[in-house]
N, C-alpha and C. Protein backbone atom coordinates (compact mmCIF):
# COMPACT_ATOMS: atom_id res chain seq x y z
N UNK A 1 -32.23 -9.13 -135.84
CA UNK A 1 -31.20 -8.74 -136.77
C UNK A 1 -30.56 -9.96 -137.43
N UNK A 2 -30.46 -11.06 -136.70
CA UNK A 2 -29.81 -12.24 -137.26
C UNK A 2 -30.47 -12.73 -138.54
N UNK A 3 -31.79 -12.57 -138.62
CA UNK A 3 -32.52 -13.08 -139.79
C UNK A 3 -32.17 -12.34 -141.06
N UNK A 4 -31.57 -11.16 -140.96
CA UNK A 4 -31.24 -10.38 -142.16
C UNK A 4 -29.75 -10.37 -142.48
N UNK A 5 -28.94 -10.96 -141.64
CA UNK A 5 -27.48 -10.89 -141.84
C UNK A 5 -27.01 -11.49 -143.16
N UNK A 6 -27.60 -12.60 -143.57
CA UNK A 6 -27.19 -13.20 -144.84
C UNK A 6 -27.47 -12.28 -146.02
N UNK A 7 -28.64 -11.62 -145.98
CA UNK A 7 -28.99 -10.69 -147.05
C UNK A 7 -28.05 -9.48 -147.03
N UNK A 8 -27.77 -8.97 -145.85
CA UNK A 8 -26.86 -7.82 -145.72
C UNK A 8 -25.49 -8.17 -146.30
N UNK A 9 -24.98 -9.33 -145.96
CA UNK A 9 -23.66 -9.73 -146.46
C UNK A 9 -23.67 -9.90 -147.98
N UNK A 10 -24.73 -10.50 -148.50
CA UNK A 10 -24.83 -10.70 -149.95
C UNK A 10 -24.90 -9.35 -150.67
N UNK A 11 -25.72 -8.44 -150.16
CA UNK A 11 -25.85 -7.11 -150.78
C UNK A 11 -24.56 -6.32 -150.65
N UNK A 12 -23.91 -6.41 -149.49
CA UNK A 12 -22.65 -5.70 -149.29
C UNK A 12 -21.59 -6.20 -150.26
N UNK A 13 -21.53 -7.53 -150.42
CA UNK A 13 -20.56 -8.11 -151.34
C UNK A 13 -20.80 -7.67 -152.78
N UNK A 14 -22.06 -7.37 -153.10
CA UNK A 14 -22.41 -6.91 -154.45
C UNK A 14 -22.27 -5.39 -154.58
N UNK A 15 -21.85 -4.73 -153.51
CA UNK A 15 -21.64 -3.29 -153.56
C UNK A 15 -22.90 -2.45 -153.42
N UNK A 16 -23.97 -3.05 -152.91
CA UNK A 16 -25.23 -2.32 -152.75
C UNK A 16 -25.19 -1.44 -151.50
N UNK A 17 -25.85 -0.28 -151.58
CA UNK A 17 -26.04 0.56 -150.40
C UNK A 17 -27.26 0.01 -149.66
N UNK A 18 -27.21 0.09 -148.32
CA UNK A 18 -28.24 -0.53 -147.49
C UNK A 18 -28.68 0.43 -146.40
N UNK A 19 -29.98 0.42 -146.11
CA UNK A 19 -30.53 1.14 -144.97
C UNK A 19 -31.08 0.11 -143.99
N UNK A 20 -30.93 0.43 -142.70
CA UNK A 20 -31.41 -0.44 -141.64
C UNK A 20 -32.52 0.29 -140.90
N UNK A 21 -33.65 -0.39 -140.70
CA UNK A 21 -34.77 0.16 -139.94
C UNK A 21 -34.99 -0.73 -138.72
N UNK A 22 -35.09 -0.09 -137.54
CA UNK A 22 -35.29 -0.86 -136.31
C UNK A 22 -36.43 -0.25 -135.51
N UNK A 23 -37.25 -1.12 -134.93
CA UNK A 23 -38.25 -0.65 -133.99
C UNK A 23 -37.51 -0.24 -132.72
N UNK A 24 -37.66 1.02 -132.33
CA UNK A 24 -36.97 1.53 -131.14
C UNK A 24 -37.93 1.91 -130.02
N UNK A 25 -39.21 1.89 -130.31
CA UNK A 25 -40.19 2.21 -129.28
C UNK A 25 -41.56 1.71 -129.68
N UNK A 26 -42.39 1.50 -128.67
CA UNK A 26 -43.72 0.94 -128.88
C UNK A 26 -44.65 1.54 -127.84
N UNK A 27 -45.79 2.03 -128.28
CA UNK A 27 -46.82 2.51 -127.37
C UNK A 27 -48.08 1.69 -127.62
N UNK A 28 -48.64 1.15 -126.58
CA UNK A 28 -49.79 0.27 -126.74
C UNK A 28 -49.33 -1.06 -127.30
N UNK A 29 -50.22 -1.71 -128.02
CA UNK A 29 -49.86 -3.00 -128.61
C UNK A 29 -49.24 -2.76 -129.99
N UNK A 30 -48.37 -3.66 -130.37
CA UNK A 30 -47.70 -3.53 -131.66
C UNK A 30 -47.41 -4.89 -132.26
N UNK A 31 -47.22 -4.91 -133.57
CA UNK A 31 -47.01 -6.19 -134.25
C UNK A 31 -45.63 -6.80 -133.98
N UNK A 32 -44.62 -5.97 -133.73
CA UNK A 32 -43.26 -6.47 -133.48
C UNK A 32 -42.68 -5.71 -132.30
N UNK A 33 -41.84 -6.35 -131.54
CA UNK A 33 -41.22 -5.75 -130.36
C UNK A 33 -40.05 -4.85 -130.76
N UNK A 34 -39.66 -3.94 -129.85
CA UNK A 34 -38.45 -3.16 -130.10
C UNK A 34 -37.28 -4.09 -130.42
N UNK A 35 -36.48 -3.67 -131.38
CA UNK A 35 -35.36 -4.49 -131.85
C UNK A 35 -35.66 -5.16 -133.18
N UNK A 36 -36.94 -5.28 -133.53
CA UNK A 36 -37.29 -5.88 -134.83
C UNK A 36 -36.61 -5.07 -135.92
N UNK A 37 -36.05 -5.75 -136.90
CA UNK A 37 -35.21 -5.11 -137.91
C UNK A 37 -35.64 -5.45 -139.32
N UNK A 38 -35.54 -4.44 -140.17
CA UNK A 38 -35.77 -4.61 -141.61
C UNK A 38 -34.62 -3.91 -142.31
N UNK A 39 -34.11 -4.52 -143.37
CA UNK A 39 -33.06 -3.89 -144.18
C UNK A 39 -33.57 -3.74 -145.60
N UNK A 40 -33.11 -2.65 -146.24
CA UNK A 40 -33.53 -2.32 -147.59
C UNK A 40 -32.29 -1.96 -148.39
N UNK A 41 -32.16 -2.51 -149.61
CA UNK A 41 -31.03 -2.07 -150.42
C UNK A 41 -31.50 -1.02 -151.42
N UNK A 42 -30.55 -0.40 -152.09
CA UNK A 42 -30.86 0.70 -153.00
C UNK A 42 -31.74 0.29 -154.17
N UNK A 43 -31.83 -1.01 -154.44
CA UNK A 43 -32.69 -1.50 -155.51
C UNK A 43 -34.12 -1.79 -155.04
N UNK A 44 -34.38 -1.57 -153.75
CA UNK A 44 -35.71 -1.79 -153.20
C UNK A 44 -35.96 -3.18 -152.69
N UNK A 45 -34.91 -4.02 -152.63
CA UNK A 45 -35.08 -5.35 -152.05
C UNK A 45 -35.15 -5.21 -150.53
N UNK A 46 -35.97 -6.06 -149.90
CA UNK A 46 -36.23 -5.96 -148.47
C UNK A 46 -35.99 -7.31 -147.81
N UNK A 47 -35.46 -7.26 -146.59
CA UNK A 47 -35.34 -8.45 -145.76
C UNK A 47 -35.74 -8.06 -144.34
N UNK A 48 -36.37 -8.97 -143.63
CA UNK A 48 -36.81 -8.69 -142.27
C UNK A 48 -38.13 -7.95 -142.24
N UNK A 49 -38.52 -7.54 -141.03
CA UNK A 49 -39.80 -6.87 -140.86
C UNK A 49 -39.80 -6.05 -139.59
N UNK A 50 -40.44 -4.89 -139.66
CA UNK A 50 -40.61 -4.07 -138.46
C UNK A 50 -42.07 -4.04 -138.01
N UNK A 51 -42.97 -4.56 -138.84
CA UNK A 51 -44.38 -4.46 -138.46
C UNK A 51 -45.22 -5.66 -138.88
N UNK A 52 -44.63 -6.65 -139.46
CA UNK A 52 -45.42 -7.78 -139.93
C UNK A 52 -46.31 -7.42 -141.11
N UNK A 53 -46.03 -6.30 -141.76
CA UNK A 53 -46.78 -5.92 -142.95
C UNK A 53 -47.55 -4.62 -142.84
N UNK A 54 -47.87 -4.17 -141.63
CA UNK A 54 -48.71 -2.98 -141.45
C UNK A 54 -48.13 -1.73 -142.10
N UNK A 55 -46.84 -1.49 -141.89
CA UNK A 55 -46.23 -0.24 -142.38
C UNK A 55 -44.98 -0.48 -143.21
N UNK A 56 -44.75 -1.71 -143.63
CA UNK A 56 -43.55 -2.03 -144.39
C UNK A 56 -43.35 -1.13 -145.61
N UNK A 57 -44.42 -0.86 -146.34
CA UNK A 57 -44.31 -0.02 -147.53
C UNK A 57 -43.85 1.39 -147.21
N UNK A 58 -44.35 1.95 -146.12
CA UNK A 58 -43.93 3.30 -145.72
C UNK A 58 -42.48 3.31 -145.28
N UNK A 59 -42.04 2.27 -144.57
CA UNK A 59 -40.65 2.18 -144.14
C UNK A 59 -39.74 2.02 -145.35
N UNK A 60 -40.15 1.23 -146.32
CA UNK A 60 -39.38 1.07 -147.56
C UNK A 60 -39.20 2.42 -148.24
N UNK A 61 -40.26 3.20 -148.35
CA UNK A 61 -40.17 4.52 -148.98
C UNK A 61 -39.19 5.42 -148.24
N UNK A 62 -39.28 5.45 -146.92
CA UNK A 62 -38.37 6.27 -146.11
C UNK A 62 -36.92 5.83 -146.31
N UNK A 63 -36.70 4.51 -146.29
CA UNK A 63 -35.34 3.98 -146.45
C UNK A 63 -34.75 4.35 -147.80
N UNK A 64 -35.55 4.24 -148.85
CA UNK A 64 -35.06 4.59 -150.19
C UNK A 64 -34.77 6.09 -150.30
N UNK A 65 -35.57 6.91 -149.63
CA UNK A 65 -35.30 8.35 -149.62
C UNK A 65 -33.98 8.65 -148.92
N UNK A 66 -33.71 7.96 -147.84
CA UNK A 66 -32.45 8.14 -147.12
C UNK A 66 -31.28 7.73 -148.01
N UNK A 67 -31.40 6.57 -148.67
CA UNK A 67 -30.32 6.09 -149.53
C UNK A 67 -30.12 6.99 -150.75
N UNK A 68 -31.19 7.59 -151.24
CA UNK A 68 -31.10 8.45 -152.41
C UNK A 68 -30.78 9.90 -152.08
N UNK A 69 -30.84 10.24 -150.82
CA UNK A 69 -30.59 11.61 -150.40
C UNK A 69 -29.23 11.77 -149.76
N UNK A 70 -29.20 12.56 -148.69
CA UNK A 70 -27.92 12.85 -148.03
C UNK A 70 -27.57 11.84 -146.95
N UNK A 71 -28.41 10.82 -146.75
CA UNK A 71 -28.10 9.77 -145.79
C UNK A 71 -28.42 10.11 -144.35
N UNK A 72 -29.16 11.18 -144.13
CA UNK A 72 -29.50 11.57 -142.76
C UNK A 72 -30.48 10.58 -142.15
N UNK A 73 -30.14 10.00 -141.00
CA UNK A 73 -31.04 9.06 -140.33
C UNK A 73 -32.35 9.76 -139.93
N UNK A 74 -33.40 8.96 -139.77
CA UNK A 74 -34.71 9.49 -139.39
C UNK A 74 -35.36 8.61 -138.33
N UNK A 75 -36.08 9.26 -137.45
CA UNK A 75 -36.96 8.56 -136.52
C UNK A 75 -38.37 8.83 -137.01
N UNK A 76 -39.08 7.78 -137.38
CA UNK A 76 -40.44 7.93 -137.89
C UNK A 76 -41.41 7.19 -136.98
N UNK A 77 -42.63 7.70 -136.92
CA UNK A 77 -43.65 7.13 -136.05
C UNK A 77 -44.85 6.74 -136.88
N UNK A 78 -45.34 5.54 -136.62
CA UNK A 78 -46.52 5.03 -137.32
C UNK A 78 -47.51 4.56 -136.27
N UNK A 79 -48.77 4.93 -136.44
CA UNK A 79 -49.79 4.49 -135.49
C UNK A 79 -51.17 4.70 -136.03
N UNK A 80 -52.11 4.09 -135.38
CA UNK A 80 -53.51 4.23 -135.73
C UNK A 80 -54.31 4.07 -134.45
N UNK A 81 -55.37 4.82 -134.34
CA UNK A 81 -56.22 4.73 -133.15
C UNK A 81 -56.77 3.32 -133.00
N UNK A 82 -56.84 2.82 -131.77
CA UNK A 82 -57.30 1.46 -131.54
C UNK A 82 -58.66 1.19 -132.17
N UNK A 83 -59.58 2.15 -132.09
CA UNK A 83 -60.92 1.91 -132.64
C UNK A 83 -60.93 1.81 -134.16
N UNK A 84 -59.89 2.34 -134.82
CA UNK A 84 -59.82 2.28 -136.27
C UNK A 84 -58.98 1.12 -136.78
N UNK A 85 -58.28 0.45 -135.92
CA UNK A 85 -57.30 -0.54 -136.35
C UNK A 85 -57.91 -1.66 -137.18
N UNK A 86 -59.00 -2.24 -136.71
CA UNK A 86 -59.57 -3.37 -137.43
C UNK A 86 -60.19 -2.95 -138.76
N UNK A 87 -60.63 -1.70 -138.87
CA UNK A 87 -61.25 -1.23 -140.11
C UNK A 87 -60.29 -1.26 -141.29
N UNK A 88 -58.99 -1.10 -141.03
CA UNK A 88 -58.01 -1.10 -142.12
C UNK A 88 -57.20 -2.39 -142.15
N UNK A 89 -57.58 -3.37 -141.35
CA UNK A 89 -56.90 -4.65 -141.38
C UNK A 89 -55.73 -4.78 -140.42
N UNK A 90 -55.52 -3.81 -139.56
CA UNK A 90 -54.45 -3.90 -138.57
C UNK A 90 -55.01 -4.53 -137.30
N UNK A 91 -54.23 -5.35 -136.68
CA UNK A 91 -54.70 -5.97 -135.45
C UNK A 91 -54.06 -5.36 -134.22
N UNK A 92 -53.02 -4.56 -134.39
CA UNK A 92 -52.29 -4.06 -133.23
C UNK A 92 -52.92 -2.81 -132.63
N UNK A 93 -53.13 -1.78 -133.44
CA UNK A 93 -53.74 -0.56 -132.96
C UNK A 93 -52.82 0.35 -132.18
N UNK A 94 -51.57 -0.03 -131.96
CA UNK A 94 -50.63 0.79 -131.20
C UNK A 94 -49.85 1.73 -132.10
N UNK A 95 -48.79 2.27 -131.52
CA UNK A 95 -47.89 3.16 -132.24
C UNK A 95 -46.49 2.60 -132.15
N UNK A 96 -45.78 2.58 -133.30
CA UNK A 96 -44.39 2.13 -133.29
C UNK A 96 -43.49 3.26 -133.75
N UNK A 97 -42.32 3.31 -133.16
CA UNK A 97 -41.30 4.28 -133.53
C UNK A 97 -40.17 3.50 -134.19
N UNK A 98 -39.81 3.91 -135.40
CA UNK A 98 -38.80 3.20 -136.19
C UNK A 98 -37.65 4.14 -136.53
N UNK A 99 -36.43 3.73 -136.21
CA UNK A 99 -35.24 4.50 -136.56
C UNK A 99 -34.65 3.90 -137.82
N UNK A 100 -34.47 4.74 -138.84
CA UNK A 100 -33.95 4.29 -140.14
C UNK A 100 -32.66 5.02 -140.43
N UNK A 101 -31.62 4.26 -140.77
CA UNK A 101 -30.31 4.85 -141.03
C UNK A 101 -29.59 4.07 -142.11
N UNK A 102 -28.69 4.74 -142.84
CA UNK A 102 -27.88 3.99 -143.80
C UNK A 102 -26.88 3.12 -143.05
N UNK A 103 -26.59 1.96 -143.59
CA UNK A 103 -25.58 1.09 -143.01
C UNK A 103 -24.23 1.57 -143.51
N UNK A 104 -23.40 2.01 -142.62
CA UNK A 104 -22.10 2.55 -142.96
C UNK A 104 -21.03 1.50 -142.71
N UNK A 105 -20.34 1.13 -143.77
CA UNK A 105 -19.31 0.09 -143.64
C UNK A 105 -18.09 0.63 -142.96
C-alpha cells in the first residue's frame, strides 16, 4: 500500500474518486502475495499492482465500473489452470481473489 500513497494523496487533492483493489486470497502460486494493492482513479489512471500484469486490465475495468456505478464493493476471482498458464504468458497458474472498493474519505 505504501507504494501508492503518493498517488492517492495527489488524486485526492485533485478531487478524483478512487477505487482500491487488494489481493485478499491466493490459491496455488500467484504473482503477488495477499495485501498487494492497486489503486485506480475515475480517469483510469493506475498505481500499484495486484498481479504483476496478468489481470491488471480486468481489475481496472471492475474498479471503473464500481466508481461509475453505485459504489458497491466486489470480490472478484481470477485464475487459470496450471497446464494452461504458460500458453497465455502467465507464469503463476494459481488463482487470486481481489477485493475492490471505492476509497471513502
